């Protein structure tokens, strides 16, 4: 079954946002891509078990909100399903060495992303 695997938080001030979430929830941040202003974090549930992973980067446009990503076994298959159900889908984007993603919108205008992991992505 498809499940939530990643959350992307856009920000206008990375340092301020990192401080906010670190102090509030105890999240720690790592910068995996030296040429990119993007940080990753991992969440934990109340018992300390691993939770949903996330990332934080600069806001790309006014009004950009948090995006939740759902992992699917086949991006192509789910793009067809989303369109058939009345949703909207962007062209797939590769994340080199990690997988492919596509931004989507449901019938009510809510945005979300779909993700297919693939270490061969280029």
PDB file of N, CA and C in Angstrom:
ATOM      1  N   UNK A   1       0.847  -1.183   0.000  1.00  0.00           N
ATOM      2  CA  UNK A   1       0.000   0.000   0.000  1.00  0.00           C
ATOM      3  C   UNK A   1       0.890   1.242   0.000  1.00  0.00           C
ATOM      4  N   UNK A   2       0.510   2.230  -0.758  1.00  0.00           N
ATOM      5  CA  UNK A   2       1.258   3.487  -0.804  1.00  0.00           C
ATOM      6  C   UNK A   2       1.182   4.181   0.558  1.00  0.00           C
ATOM      7  N   UNK A   3       2.295   4.758   0.986  1.00  0.00           N
ATOM      8  CA  UNK A   3       2.335   5.394   2.302  1.00  0.00           C
ATOM      9  C   UNK A   3       3.164   6.677   2.271  1.00  0.00           C
ATOM     10  N   UNK A   4       2.914   7.565   3.216  1.00  0.00           N
ATOM     11  CA  UNK A   4       3.687   8.797   3.324  1.00  0.00           C
ATOM     12  C   UNK A   4       5.120   8.452   3.722  1.00  0.00           C
ATOM     13  N   UNK A   5       6.086   9.044   3.012  1.00  0.00           N
ATOM     14  CA  UNK A   5       7.487   8.743   3.299  1.00  0.00           C
ATOM     15  C   UNK A   5       8.356   9.980   3.489  1.00  0.00           C
ATOM     16  N   UNK A   6       7.886  11.138   3.078  1.00  0.00           N
ATOM     17  CA  UNK A   6       8.739  12.325   3.126  1.00  0.00           C
ATOM     18  C   UNK A   6       7.862  13.571   3.192  1.00  0.00           C
ATOM     19  N   UNK A   7       8.352  14.571   3.893  1.00  0.00           N
ATOM     20  CA  UNK A   7       7.667  15.859   3.965  1.00  0.00           C
ATOM     21  C   UNK A   7       8.683  16.941   3.604  1.00  0.00           C
ATOM     22  N   UNK A   8       8.286  17.857   2.747  1.00  0.00           N
ATOM     23  CA  UNK A   8       9.147  18.975   2.347  1.00  0.00           C
ATOM     24  C   UNK A   8       8.592  20.262   2.933  1.00  0.00           C
ATOM     25  N   UNK A   9       9.427  20.980   3.665  1.00  0.00           N
ATOM     26  CA  UNK A   9       9.002  22.228   4.300  1.00  0.00           C
ATOM     27  C   UNK A   9       9.721  23.395   3.626  1.00  0.00           C
ATOM     28  N   UNK A  10       8.984  24.261   2.923  1.00  0.00           N
ATOM     29  CA  UNK A  10       9.619  25.439   2.332  1.00  0.00           C
ATOM     30  C   UNK A  10       9.805  26.523   3.384  1.00  0.00           C
ATOM     31  N   UNK A  11      10.844  27.325   3.220  1.00  0.00           N
ATOM     32  CA  UNK A  11      11.126  28.356   4.211  1.00  0.00           C
ATOM     33  C   UNK A  11      11.679  29.617   3.554  1.00  0.00           C
ATOM     34  N   UNK A  12      11.462  30.732   4.206  1.00  0.00           N
ATOM     35  CA  UNK A  12      12.033  32.000   3.753  1.00  0.00           C
ATOM     36  C   UNK A  12      13.366  32.276   4.438  1.00  0.00           C
ATOM     37  N   UNK A  13      13.650  31.543   5.528  1.00  0.00           N
ATOM     38  CA  UNK A  13      14.885  31.737   6.280  1.00  0.00           C
ATOM     39  C   UNK A  13      15.285  30.385   6.877  1.00  0.00           C
ATOM     40  N   UNK A  14      16.224  29.715   6.221  1.00  0.00           N
ATOM     41  CA  UNK A  14      16.608  28.368   6.641  1.00  0.00           C
ATOM     42  C   UNK A  14      17.101  28.305   8.082  1.00  0.00           C
ATOM     43  N   UNK A  15      17.958  29.211   8.472  1.00  0.00           N
ATOM     44  CA  UNK A  15      18.505  29.166   9.830  1.00  0.00           C
ATOM     45  C   UNK A  15      17.407  29.358  10.876  1.00  0.00           C
ATOM     46  N   UNK A  16      16.514  30.292  10.638  1.00  0.00           N
ATOM     47  CA  UNK A  16      15.415  30.539  11.579  1.00  0.00           C
ATOM     48  C   UNK A  16      14.508  29.311  11.667  1.00  0.00           C
ATOM     49  N   UNK A  17      14.202  28.694  10.517  1.00  0.00           N
ATOM     50  CA  UNK A  17      13.332  27.516  10.508  1.00  0.00           C
ATOM     51  C   UNK A  17      13.990  26.319  11.179  1.00  0.00           C
ATOM     52  N   UNK A  18      15.277  26.108  10.912  1.00  0.00           N
ATOM     53  CA  UNK A  18      15.985  25.006  11.563  1.00  0.00           C
ATOM     54  C   UNK A  18      15.974  25.185  13.076  1.00  0.00           C
ATOM     55  N   UNK A  19      16.214  26.398  13.528  1.00  0.00           N
ATOM     56  CA  UNK A  19      16.203  26.689  14.966  1.00  0.00           C
ATOM     57  C   UNK A  19      14.815  26.415  15.557  1.00  0.00           C
ATOM     58  N   UNK A  20      13.769  26.862  14.869  1.00  0.00           N
ATOM     59  CA  UNK A  20      12.398  26.670  15.330  1.00  0.00           C
ATOM     60  C   UNK A  20      12.092  25.182  15.529  1.00  0.00           C
ATOM     61  N   UNK A  21      12.329  24.366  14.496  1.00  0.00           N
ATOM     62  CA  UNK A  21      11.987  22.948  14.576  1.00  0.00           C
ATOM     63  C   UNK A  21      12.924  22.178  15.508  1.00  0.00           C
ATOM     64  N   UNK A  22      14.185  22.586  15.584  1.00  0.00           N
ATOM     65  CA  UNK A  22      15.117  21.941  16.519  1.00  0.00           C
ATOM     66  C   UNK A  22      14.684  22.165  17.959  1.00  0.00           C
ATOM     67  N   UNK A  23      14.363  23.412  18.281  1.00  0.00           N
ATOM     68  CA  UNK A  23      13.959  23.731  19.653  1.00  0.00           C
ATOM     69  C   UNK A  23      12.590  23.152  19.991  1.00  0.00           C
ATOM     70  N   UNK A  24      11.687  23.138  19.036  1.00  0.00           N
ATOM     71  CA  UNK A  24      10.328  22.671  19.289  1.00  0.00           C
ATOM     72  C   UNK A  24      10.237  21.147  19.376  1.00  0.00           C
ATOM     73  N   UNK A  25      10.837  20.450  18.401  1.00  0.00           N
ATOM     74  CA  UNK A  25      10.670  18.999  18.310  1.00  0.00           C
ATOM     75  C   UNK A  25      11.962  18.199  18.493  1.00  0.00           C
ATOM     76  N   UNK A  26      13.100  18.878  18.634  1.00  0.00           N
ATOM     77  CA  UNK A  26      14.363  18.173  18.793  1.00  0.00           C
ATOM     78  C   UNK A  26      14.936  17.614  17.496  1.00  0.00           C
ATOM     79  N   UNK A  27      14.437  18.081  16.359  1.00  0.00           N
ATOM     80  CA  UNK A  27      14.944  17.596  15.081  1.00  0.00           C
ATOM     81  C   UNK A  27      16.378  18.064  14.873  1.00  0.00           C
ATOM     82  N   UNK A  28      17.192  17.213  14.246  1.00  0.00           N
ATOM     83  CA  UNK A  28      18.540  17.597  13.843  1.00  0.00           C
ATOM     84  C   UNK A  28      18.582  17.625  12.320  1.00  0.00           C
ATOM     85  N   UNK A  29      19.433  18.457  11.785  1.00  0.00           N
ATOM     86  CA  UNK A  29      19.479  18.671  10.342  1.00  0.00           C
ATOM     87  C   UNK A  29      20.853  18.346   9.781  1.00  0.00           C
ATOM     88  N   UNK A  30      20.869  17.795   8.578  1.00  0.00           N
ATOM     89  CA  UNK A  30      22.099  17.523   7.844  1.00  0.00           C
ATOM     90  C   UNK A  30      21.964  18.125   6.453  1.00  0.00           C
ATOM     91  N   UNK A  31      23.084  18.548   5.890  1.00  0.00           N
ATOM     92  CA  UNK A  31      23.100  19.113   4.536  1.00  0.00           C
ATOM     93  C   UNK A  31      23.796  18.109   3.616  1.00  0.00           C
ATOM     94  N   UNK A  32      23.025  17.241   2.924  1.00  0.00           N
ATOM     95  CA  UNK A  32      23.638  16.171   2.135  1.00  0.00           C
ATOM     96  C   UNK A  32      24.204  16.615   0.787  1.00  0.00           C
ATOM     97  N   UNK A  33      23.740  17.737   0.281  1.00  0.00           N
ATOM     98  CA  UNK A  33      24.159  18.195  -1.039  1.00  0.00           C
ATOM     99  C   UNK A  33      24.895  19.527  -0.904  1.00  0.00           C
ATOM    100  N   UNK A  34      26.229  19.532  -1.025  1.00  0.00           N
ATOM    101  CA  UNK A  34      27.008  20.751  -0.788  1.00  0.00           C
ATOM    102  C   UNK A  34      26.618  21.931  -1.682  1.00  0.00           C
ATOM    103  N   UNK A  35      26.172  21.656  -2.892  1.00  0.00           N
ATOM    104  CA  UNK A  35      25.848  22.733  -3.834  1.00  0.00           C
ATOM    105  C   UNK A  35      24.394  23.186  -3.753  1.00  0.00           C
ATOM    106  N   UNK A  36      23.662  22.708  -2.761  1.00  0.00           N
ATOM    107  CA  UNK A  36      22.230  22.984  -2.685  1.00  0.00           C
ATOM    108  C   UNK A  36      21.862  23.439  -1.277  1.00  0.00           C
ATOM    109  N   UNK A  37      21.066  24.481  -1.167  1.00  0.00           N
ATOM    110  CA  UNK A  37      20.589  24.944   0.142  1.00  0.00           C
ATOM    111  C   UNK A  37      19.376  24.102   0.541  1.00  0.00           C
ATOM    112  N   UNK A  38      19.648  22.879   0.962  1.00  0.00           N
ATOM    113  CA  UNK A  38      18.599  21.935   1.315  1.00  0.00           C
ATOM    114  C   UNK A  38      19.118  21.078   2.460  1.00  0.00           C
ATOM    115  N   UNK A  39      18.299  20.937   3.487  1.00  0.00           N
ATOM    116  CA  UNK A  39      18.665  20.161   4.662  1.00  0.00           C
ATOM    117  C   UNK A  39      17.667  19.031   4.848  1.00  0.00           C
ATOM    118  N   UNK A  40      18.147  17.893   5.336  1.00  0.00           N
ATOM    119  CA  UNK A  40      17.256  16.780   5.633  1.00  0.00           C
ATOM    120  C   UNK A  40      17.155  16.596   7.144  1.00  0.00           C
ATOM    121  N   UNK A  41      16.043  15.999   7.571  1.00  0.00           N
ATOM    122  CA  UNK A  41      15.840  15.694   8.984  1.00  0.00           C
ATOM    123  C   UNK A  41      15.057  14.401   9.093  1.00  0.00           C
ATOM    124  N   UNK A  42      15.138  13.770  10.250  1.00  0.00           N
ATOM    125  CA  UNK A  42      14.365  12.562  10.527  1.00  0.00           C
ATOM    126  C   UNK A  42      13.519  12.828  11.760  1.00  0.00           C
ATOM    127  N   UNK A  43      12.314  12.323  11.743  1.00  0.00           N
ATOM    128  CA  UNK A  43      11.429  12.489  12.895  1.00  0.00           C
ATOM    129  C   UNK A  43      11.360  11.174  13.667  1.00  0.00           C
ATOM    130  N   UNK A  44      10.887  11.258  14.905  1.00  0.00           N
ATOM    131  CA  UNK A  44      10.683  10.070  15.733  1.00  0.00           C
ATOM    132  C   UNK A  44       9.326  10.178  16.407  1.00  0.00           C
ATOM    133  N   UNK A  45       8.710   9.010  16.654  1.00  0.00           N
ATOM    134  CA  UNK A  45       7.434   9.038  17.366  1.00  0.00           C
ATOM    135  C   UNK A  45       7.691   9.194  18.865  1.00  0.00           C
ATOM    136  N   UNK A  46       6.647   9.173  19.658  1.00  0.00           N
ATOM    137  CA  UNK A  46       6.783   9.419  21.096  1.00  0.00           C
ATOM    138  C   UNK A  46       7.592   8.349  21.821  1.00  0.00           C
ATOM    139  N   UNK A  47       7.701   7.149  21.224  1.00  0.00           N
ATOM    140  CA  UNK A  47       8.505   6.084  21.819  1.00  0.00           C
ATOM    141  C   UNK A  47       9.940   6.095  21.300  1.00  0.00           C
ATOM    142  N   UNK A  48      10.268   7.027  20.413  1.00  0.00           N
ATOM    143  CA  UNK A  48      11.621   7.117  19.877  1.00  0.00           C
ATOM    144  C   UNK A  48      11.858   6.315  18.614  1.00  0.00           C
ATOM    145  N   UNK A  49      10.798   5.720  18.063  1.00  0.00           N
ATOM    146  CA  UNK A  49      10.928   4.969  16.819  1.00  0.00           C
ATOM    147  C   UNK A  49      11.020   5.923  15.633  1.00  0.00           C
ATOM    148  N   UNK A  50      11.743   5.482  14.611  1.00  0.00           N
ATOM    149  CA  UNK A  50      11.915   6.298  13.409  1.00  0.00           C
ATOM    150  C   UNK A  50      10.569   6.652  12.789  1.00  0.00           C
ATOM    151  N   UNK A  51      10.439   7.908  12.393  1.00  0.00           N
ATOM    152  CA  UNK A  51       9.215   8.390  11.751  1.00  0.00           C
ATOM    153  C   UNK A  51       9.483   8.801  10.318  1.00  0.00           C
ATOM    154  N   UNK A  52       8.670   9.689   9.815  1.00  0.00           N
ATOM    155  CA  UNK A  52       8.787  10.168   8.444  1.00  0.00           C
ATOM    156  C   UNK A  52      10.014  11.067   8.313  1.00  0.00           C
ATOM    157  N   UNK A  53      10.751  10.889   7.224  1.00  0.00           N
ATOM    158  CA  UNK A  53      11.899  11.748   6.929  1.00  0.00           C
ATOM    159  C   UNK A  53      11.408  13.017   6.253  1.00  0.00           C
ATOM    160  N   UNK A  54      12.238  14.027   6.281  1.00  0.00           N
ATOM    161  CA  UNK A  54      11.831  15.274   5.653  1.00  0.00           C
ATOM    162  C   UNK A  54      13.001  16.077   5.148  1.00  0.00           C
ATOM    163  N   UNK A  55      12.653  17.161   4.499  1.00  0.00           N
ATOM    164  CA  UNK A  55      13.647  18.075   3.986  1.00  0.00           C
ATOM    165  C   UNK A  55      13.157  19.503   4.109  1.00  0.00           C
ATOM    166  N   UNK A  56      14.101  20.425   4.081  1.00  0.00           N
ATOM    167  CA  UNK A  56      13.766  21.839   4.198  1.00  0.00           C
ATOM    168  C   UNK A  56      14.653  22.618   3.240  1.00  0.00           C
ATOM    169  N   UNK A  57      14.018  23.453   2.430  1.00  0.00           N
ATOM    170  CA  UNK A  57      14.763  24.270   1.486  1.00  0.00           C
ATOM    171  C   UNK A  57      14.097  25.613   1.315  1.00  0.00           C
ATOM    172  N   UNK A  58      14.730  26.465   0.530  1.00  0.00           N
ATOM    173  CA  UNK A  58      14.189  27.800   0.292  1.00  0.00           C
ATOM    174  C   UNK A  58      12.862  27.740  -0.451  1.00  0.00           C
ATOM    175  N   UNK A  59      11.941  28.589  -0.040  1.00  0.00           N
ATOM    176  CA  UNK A  59      10.637  28.693  -0.693  1.00  0.00           C
ATOM    177  C   UNK A  59      10.859  29.127  -2.141  1.00  0.00           C
ATOM    178  N   UNK A  60      10.236  28.425  -3.074  1.00  0.00           N
ATOM    179  CA  UNK A  60      10.431  28.707  -4.491  1.00  0.00           C
ATOM    180  C   UNK A  60       9.448  29.727  -5.043  1.00  0.00           C
ATOM    181  N   UNK A  61       8.304  29.871  -4.394  1.00  0.00           N
ATOM    182  CA  UNK A  61       7.299  30.834  -4.858  1.00  0.00           C
ATOM    183  C   UNK A  61       6.422  31.250  -3.686  1.00  0.00           C
ATOM    184  N   UNK A  62       5.859  32.452  -3.727  1.00  0.00           N
ATOM    185  CA  UNK A  62       4.981  32.895  -2.632  1.00  0.00           C
ATOM    186  C   UNK A  62       3.814  31.919  -2.449  1.00  0.00           C
ATOM    187  N   UNK A  63       3.489  31.643  -1.212  1.00  0.00           N
ATOM    188  CA  UNK A  63       2.364  30.761  -0.921  1.00  0.00           C
ATOM    189  C   UNK A  63       2.691  29.281  -0.987  1.00  0.00           C
ATOM    190  N   UNK A  64       3.922  28.927  -1.355  1.00  0.00           N
ATOM    191  CA  UNK A  64       4.294  27.518  -1.399  1.00  0.00           C
ATOM    192  C   UNK A  64       4.152  26.933  -0.001  1.00  0.00           C
ATOM    193  N   UNK A  65       3.476  25.796   0.091  1.00  0.00           N
ATOM    194  CA  UNK A  65       3.238  25.198   1.403  1.00  0.00           C
ATOM    195  C   UNK A  65       3.952  23.855   1.526  1.00  0.00           C
ATOM    196  N   UNK A  66       3.814  23.238   2.675  1.00  0.00           N
ATOM    197  CA  UNK A  66       4.401  21.930   2.942  1.00  0.00           C
ATOM    198  C   UNK A  66       3.882  20.925   1.915  1.00  0.00           C
ATOM    199  N   UNK A  67       4.778  20.056   1.443  1.00  0.00           N
ATOM    200  CA  UNK A  67       4.390  19.000   0.510  1.00  0.00           C
ATOM    201  C   UNK A  67       4.661  17.653   1.157  1.00  0.00           C
ATOM    202  N   UNK A  68       3.642  16.810   1.183  1.00  0.00           N
ATOM    203  CA  UNK A  68       3.780  15.446   1.672  1.00  0.00           C
ATOM    204  C   UNK A  68       3.979  14.523   0.476  1.00  0.00           C
ATOM    205  N   UNK A  69       4.961  13.629   0.575  1.00  0.00           N
ATOM    206  CA  UNK A  69       5.246  12.699  -0.514  1.00  0.00           C
ATOM    207  C   UNK A  69       4.797  11.296  -0.134  1.00  0.00           C
ATOM    208  N   UNK A  70       4.188  10.622  -1.102  1.00  0.00           N
ATOM    209  CA  UNK A  70       3.688   9.266  -0.937  1.00  0.00           C
ATOM    210  C   UNK A  70       4.511   8.357  -1.841  1.00  0.00           C
ATOM    211  N   UNK A  71       5.089   7.300  -1.259  1.00  0.00           N
ATOM    212  CA  UNK A  71       5.875   6.366  -2.071  1.00  0.00           C
ATOM    213  C   UNK A  71       4.947   5.415  -2.807  1.00  0.00           C
ATOM    214  N   UNK A  72       5.217   5.234  -4.092  1.00  0.00           N
ATOM    215  CA  UNK A  72       4.428   4.336  -4.933  1.00  0.00           C
ATOM    216  C   UNK A  72       5.380   3.370  -5.638  1.00  0.00           C
ATOM    217  N   UNK A  73       4.889   2.176  -6.016  1.00  0.00           N
ATOM    218  CA  UNK A  73       5.769   1.215  -6.680  1.00  0.00           C
ATOM    219  C   UNK A  73       6.113   1.609  -8.115  1.00  0.00           C
ATOM    220  N   UNK A  74       5.232   2.372  -8.766  1.00  0.00           N
ATOM    221  CA  UNK A  74       5.461   2.783 -10.150  1.00  0.00           C
ATOM    222  C   UNK A  74       4.905   4.184 -10.363  1.00  0.00           C
ATOM    223  N   UNK A  75       5.785   5.143 -10.621  1.00  0.00           N
ATOM    224  CA  UNK A  75       5.350   6.517 -10.873  1.00  0.00           C
ATOM    225  C   UNK A  75       4.416   6.564 -12.080  1.00  0.00           C
ATOM    226  N   UNK A  76       4.805   5.882 -13.157  1.00  0.00           N
ATOM    227  CA  UNK A  76       3.986   5.896 -14.376  1.00  0.00           C
ATOM    228  C   UNK A  76       2.577   5.373 -14.117  1.00  0.00           C
ATOM    229  N   UNK A  77       2.475   4.286 -13.375  1.00  0.00           N
ATOM    230  CA  UNK A  77       1.169   3.695 -13.060  1.00  0.00           C
ATOM    231  C   UNK A  77       0.307   4.676 -12.253  1.00  0.00           C
ATOM    232  N   UNK A  78       0.910   5.320 -11.260  1.00  0.00           N
ATOM    233  CA  UNK A  78       0.137   6.225 -10.408  1.00  0.00           C
ATOM    234  C   UNK A  78      -0.185   7.541 -11.095  1.00  0.00           C
ATOM    235  N   UNK A  79       0.646   7.973 -12.021  1.00  0.00           N
ATOM    236  CA  UNK A  79       0.313   9.164 -12.810  1.00  0.00           C
ATOM    237  C   UNK A  79      -0.971   8.897 -13.588  1.00  0.00           C
ATOM    238  N   UNK A  80      -1.064   7.724 -14.196  1.00  0.00           N
ATOM    239  CA  UNK A  80      -2.277   7.346 -14.937  1.00  0.00           C
ATOM    240  C   UNK A  80      -3.483   7.290 -13.999  1.00  0.00           C
ATOM    241  N   UNK A  81      -3.306   6.692 -12.818  1.00  0.00           N
ATOM    242  CA  UNK A  81      -4.408   6.570 -11.856  1.00  0.00           C
ATOM    243  C   UNK A  81      -4.891   7.944 -11.378  1.00  0.00           C
ATOM    244  N   UNK A  82      -3.954   8.837 -11.100  1.00  0.00           N
ATOM    245  CA  UNK A  82      -4.312  10.174 -10.611  1.00  0.00           C
ATOM    246  C   UNK A  82      -5.090  10.932 -11.674  1.00  0.00           C
ATOM    247  N   UNK A  83      -4.610  10.881 -12.910  1.00  0.00           N
ATOM    248  CA  UNK A  83      -5.308  11.561 -14.011  1.00  0.00           C
ATOM    249  C   UNK A  83      -6.702  10.971 -14.217  1.00  0.00           C
ATOM    250  N   UNK A  84      -6.805   9.643 -14.178  1.00  0.00           N
ATOM    251  CA  UNK A  84      -8.101   8.978 -14.367  1.00  0.00           C
ATOM    252  C   UNK A  84      -9.088   9.341 -13.263  1.00  0.00           C
ATOM    253  N   UNK A  85      -8.576   9.628 -12.069  1.00  0.00           N
ATOM    254  CA  UNK A  85      -9.441   9.985 -10.941  1.00  0.00           C
ATOM    255  C   UNK A  85      -9.779  11.473 -10.922  1.00  0.00           C
ATOM    256  N   UNK A  86      -9.254  12.234 -11.896  1.00  0.00           N
ATOM    257  CA  UNK A  86      -9.567  13.659 -11.971  1.00  0.00           C
ATOM    258  C   UNK A  86      -8.514  14.575 -11.384  1.00  0.00           C
ATOM    259  N   UNK A  87      -7.370  14.018 -11.001  1.00  0.00           N
ATOM    260  CA  UNK A  87      -6.293  14.831 -10.446  1.00  0.00           C
ATOM    261  C   UNK A  87      -5.379  15.382 -11.524  1.00  0.00           C
ATOM    262  N   UNK A  88      -4.438  16.207 -11.096  1.00  0.00           N
ATOM    263  CA  UNK A  88      -3.451  16.799 -12.002  1.00  0.00           C
ATOM    264  C   UNK A  88      -2.066  16.328 -11.586  1.00  0.00           C
ATOM    265  N   UNK A  89      -1.182  16.194 -12.578  1.00  0.00           N
ATOM    266  CA  UNK A  89       0.149  15.663 -12.318  1.00  0.00           C
ATOM    267  C   UNK A  89       1.182  16.405 -13.166  1.00  0.00           C
ATOM    268  N   UNK A  90       2.323  16.737 -12.556  1.00  0.00           N
ATOM    269  CA  UNK A  90       3.422  17.349 -13.311  1.00  0.00           C
ATOM    270  C   UNK A  90       4.272  16.256 -13.952  1.00  0.00           C
ATOM    271  N   UNK A  91       5.135  16.671 -14.851  1.00  0.00           N
ATOM    272  CA  UNK A  91       6.071  15.729 -15.468  1.00  0.00           C
ATOM    273  C   UNK A  91       7.001  15.176 -14.389  1.00  0.00           C
ATOM    274  N   UNK A  92       7.332  13.887 -14.459  1.00  0.00           N
ATOM    275  CA  UNK A  92       8.257  13.308 -13.487  1.00  0.00           C
ATOM    276  C   UNK A  92       9.624  13.990 -13.540  1.00  0.00           C
ATOM    277  N   UNK A  93      10.242  14.102 -12.370  1.00  0.00           N
ATOM    278  CA  UNK A  93      11.575  14.697 -12.238  1.00  0.00           C
ATOM    279  C   UNK A  93      12.516  13.672 -11.617  1.00  0.00           C
ATOM    280  N   UNK A  94      13.708  13.507 -12.177  1.00  0.00           N
ATOM    281  CA  UNK A  94      14.667  12.600 -11.539  1.00  0.00           C
ATOM    282  C   UNK A  94      15.370  13.286 -10.367  1.00  0.00           C
ATOM    283  N   UNK A  95      15.666  12.509  -9.357  1.00  0.00           N
ATOM    284  CA  UNK A  95      16.551  12.932  -8.274  1.00  0.00           C
ATOM    285  C   UNK A  95      17.724  11.961  -8.390  1.00  0.00           C
ATOM    286  N   UNK A  96      18.815  12.387  -9.053  1.00  0.00           N
ATOM    287  CA  UNK A  96      19.905  11.476  -9.387  1.00  0.00           C
ATOM    288  C   UNK A  96      20.373  10.610  -8.215  1.00  0.00           C
ATOM    289  N   UNK A  97      20.433   9.307  -8.499  1.00  0.00           N
ATOM    290  CA  UNK A  97      20.892   8.346  -7.509  1.00  0.00           C
ATOM    291  C   UNK A  97      19.877   7.988  -6.448  1.00  0.00           C
ATOM    292  N   UNK A  98      18.670   8.582  -6.525  1.00  0.00           N
ATOM    293  CA  UNK A  98      17.670   8.333  -5.480  1.00  0.00           C
ATOM    294  C   UNK A  98      16.329   7.841  -6.028  1.00  0.00           C
ATOM    295  N   UNK A  99      15.809   8.483  -7.069  1.00  0.00           N
ATOM    296  CA  UNK A  99      14.510   8.088  -7.588  1.00  0.00           C
ATOM    297  C   UNK A  99      13.872   9.170  -8.436  1.00  0.00           C
ATOM    298  N   UNK A 100      12.549   9.084  -8.553  1.00  0.00           N
ATOM    299  CA  UNK A 100      11.787  10.022  -9.373  1.00  0.00           C
ATOM    300  C   UNK A 100      10.597  10.545  -8.578  1.00  0.00           C
ATOM    301  N   UNK A 101      10.244  11.807  -8.831  1.00  0.00           N
ATOM    302  CA  UNK A 101       9.082  12.379  -8.155  1.00  0.00           C
ATOM    303  C   UNK A 101       8.215  13.126  -9.149  1.00  0.00           C
ATOM    304  N   UNK A 102       6.981  13.300  -8.766  1.00  0.00           N
ATOM    305  CA  UNK A 102       6.038  14.086  -9.552  1.00  0.00           C
ATOM    306  C   UNK A 102       5.133  14.826  -8.582  1.00  0.00           C
ATOM    307  N   UNK A 103       4.894  16.094  -8.870  1.00  0.00           N
ATOM    308  CA  UNK A 103       3.998  16.899  -8.045  1.00  0.00           C
ATOM    309  C   UNK A 103       2.577  16.715  -8.568  1.00  0.00           C
ATOM    310  N   UNK A 104       1.620  16.618  -7.640  1.00  0.00           N
ATOM    311  CA  UNK A 104       0.244  16.301  -8.003  1.00  0.00           C
ATOM    312  C   UNK A 104      -0.740  17.227  -7.296  1.00  0.00           C
ATOM    313  N   UNK A 105      -1.964  17.190  -7.776  1.00  0.00           N
ATOM    314  CA  UNK A 105      -3.053  17.937  -7.144  1.00  0.00           C
ATOM    315  C   UNK A 105      -4.299  17.060  -7.188  1.00  0.00           C
ATOM    316  N   UNK A 106      -4.986  16.948  -6.048  1.00  0.00           N
ATOM    317  CA  UNK A 106      -6.205  16.144  -6.022  1.00  0.00           C
ATOM    318  C   UNK A 106      -7.387  16.941  -6.570  1.00  0.00           C
ATOM    319  N   UNK A 107      -8.559  16.351  -6.551  1.00  0.00           N
ATOM    320  CA  UNK A 107      -9.752  17.000  -7.110  1.00  0.00           C
ATOM    321  C   UNK A 107     -10.199  18.218  -6.317  1.00  0.00           C
ATOM    322  N   UNK A 108      -9.657  18.399  -5.104  1.00  0.00           N
ATOM    323  CA  UNK A 108     -10.031  19.540  -4.266  1.00  0.00           C
ATOM    324  C   UNK A 108      -8.964  20.631  -4.264  1.00  0.00           C
ATOM    325  N   UNK A 109      -7.930  20.459  -5.087  1.00  0.00           N
ATOM    326  CA  UNK A 109      -6.875  21.461  -5.175  1.00  0.00           C
ATOM    327  C   UNK A 109      -5.753  21.295  -4.164  1.00  0.00           C
ATOM    328  N   UNK A 110      -5.738  20.185  -3.438  1.00  0.00           N
ATOM    329  CA  UNK A 110      -4.675  19.923  -2.460  1.00  0.00           C
ATOM    330  C   UNK A 110      -3.458  19.328  -3.155  1.00  0.00           C
ATOM    331  N   UNK A 111      -2.296  19.898  -2.879  1.00  0.00           N
ATOM    332  CA  UNK A 111      -1.072  19.402  -3.486  1.00  0.00           C
ATOM    333  C   UNK A 111      -0.439  18.281  -2.683  1.00  0.00           C
ATOM    334  N   UNK A 112       0.225  17.376  -3.392  1.00  0.00           N
ATOM    335  CA  UNK A 112       1.008  16.307  -2.783  1.00  0.00           C
ATOM    336  C   UNK A 112       2.006  15.821  -3.821  1.00  0.00           C
ATOM    337  N   UNK A 113       2.963  15.040  -3.394  1.00  0.00           N
ATOM    338  CA  UNK A 113       3.934  14.480  -4.319  1.00  0.00           C
ATOM    339  C   UNK A 113       3.887  12.970  -4.284  1.00  0.00           C
ATOM    340  N   UNK A 114       4.283  12.361  -5.397  1.00  0.00           N
ATOM    341  CA  UNK A 114       4.457  10.906  -5.410  1.00  0.00           C
ATOM    342  C   UNK A 114       5.930  10.628  -5.697  1.00  0.00           C
ATOM    343  N   UNK A 115       6.424   9.533  -5.138  1.00  0.00           N
ATOM    344  CA  UNK A 115       7.843   9.207  -5.179  1.00  0.00           C
ATOM    345  C   UNK A 115       8.033   7.736  -5.506  1.00  0.00           C
ATOM    346  N   UNK A 116       8.938   7.477  -6.449  1.00  0.00           N
ATOM    347  CA  UNK A 116       9.357   6.110  -6.745  1.00  0.00           C
ATOM    348  C   UNK A 116      10.860   6.038  -6.529  1.00  0.00           C
ATOM    349  N   UNK A 117      11.280   5.284  -5.542  1.00  0.00           N
ATOM    350  CA  UNK A 117      12.705   5.138  -5.284  1.00  0.00           C
ATOM    351  C   UNK A 117      13.376   4.321  -6.376  1.00  0.00           C
ATOM    352  N   UNK A 118      14.558   4.784  -6.818  1.00  0.00           N
ATOM    353  CA  UNK A 118      15.309   4.069  -7.841  1.00  0.00           C
ATOM    354  C   UNK A 118      16.748   4.594  -7.823  1.00  0.00           C
ATOM    355  N   UNK A 119      17.696   3.806  -7.300  1.00  0.00           N
ATOM    356  CA  UNK A 119      19.073   4.289  -7.210  1.00  0.00           C
ATOM    357  C   UNK A 119      19.725   4.536  -8.572  1.00  0.00           C
ATOM    358  N   UNK A 120      19.119   4.040  -9.654  1.00  0.00           N
ATOM    359  CA  UNK A 120      19.657   4.250 -10.999  1.00  0.00           C
ATOM    360  C   UNK A 120      19.150   5.537 -11.647  1.00  0.00           C
ATOM    361  N   UNK A 121      18.339   6.312 -10.932  1.00  0.00           N
ATOM    362  CA  UNK A 121      17.776   7.552 -11.503  1.00  0.00           C
ATOM    363  C   UNK A 121      18.894   8.499 -11.919  1.00  0.00           C
ATOM    364  N   UNK A 122      18.687   9.114 -13.107  1.00  0.00           N
ATOM    365  CA  UNK A 122      19.685  10.069 -13.631  1.00  0.00           C
ATOM    366  C   UNK A 122      19.003  11.318 -14.109  1.00  0.00           C
TER     367      UNK A 122
END
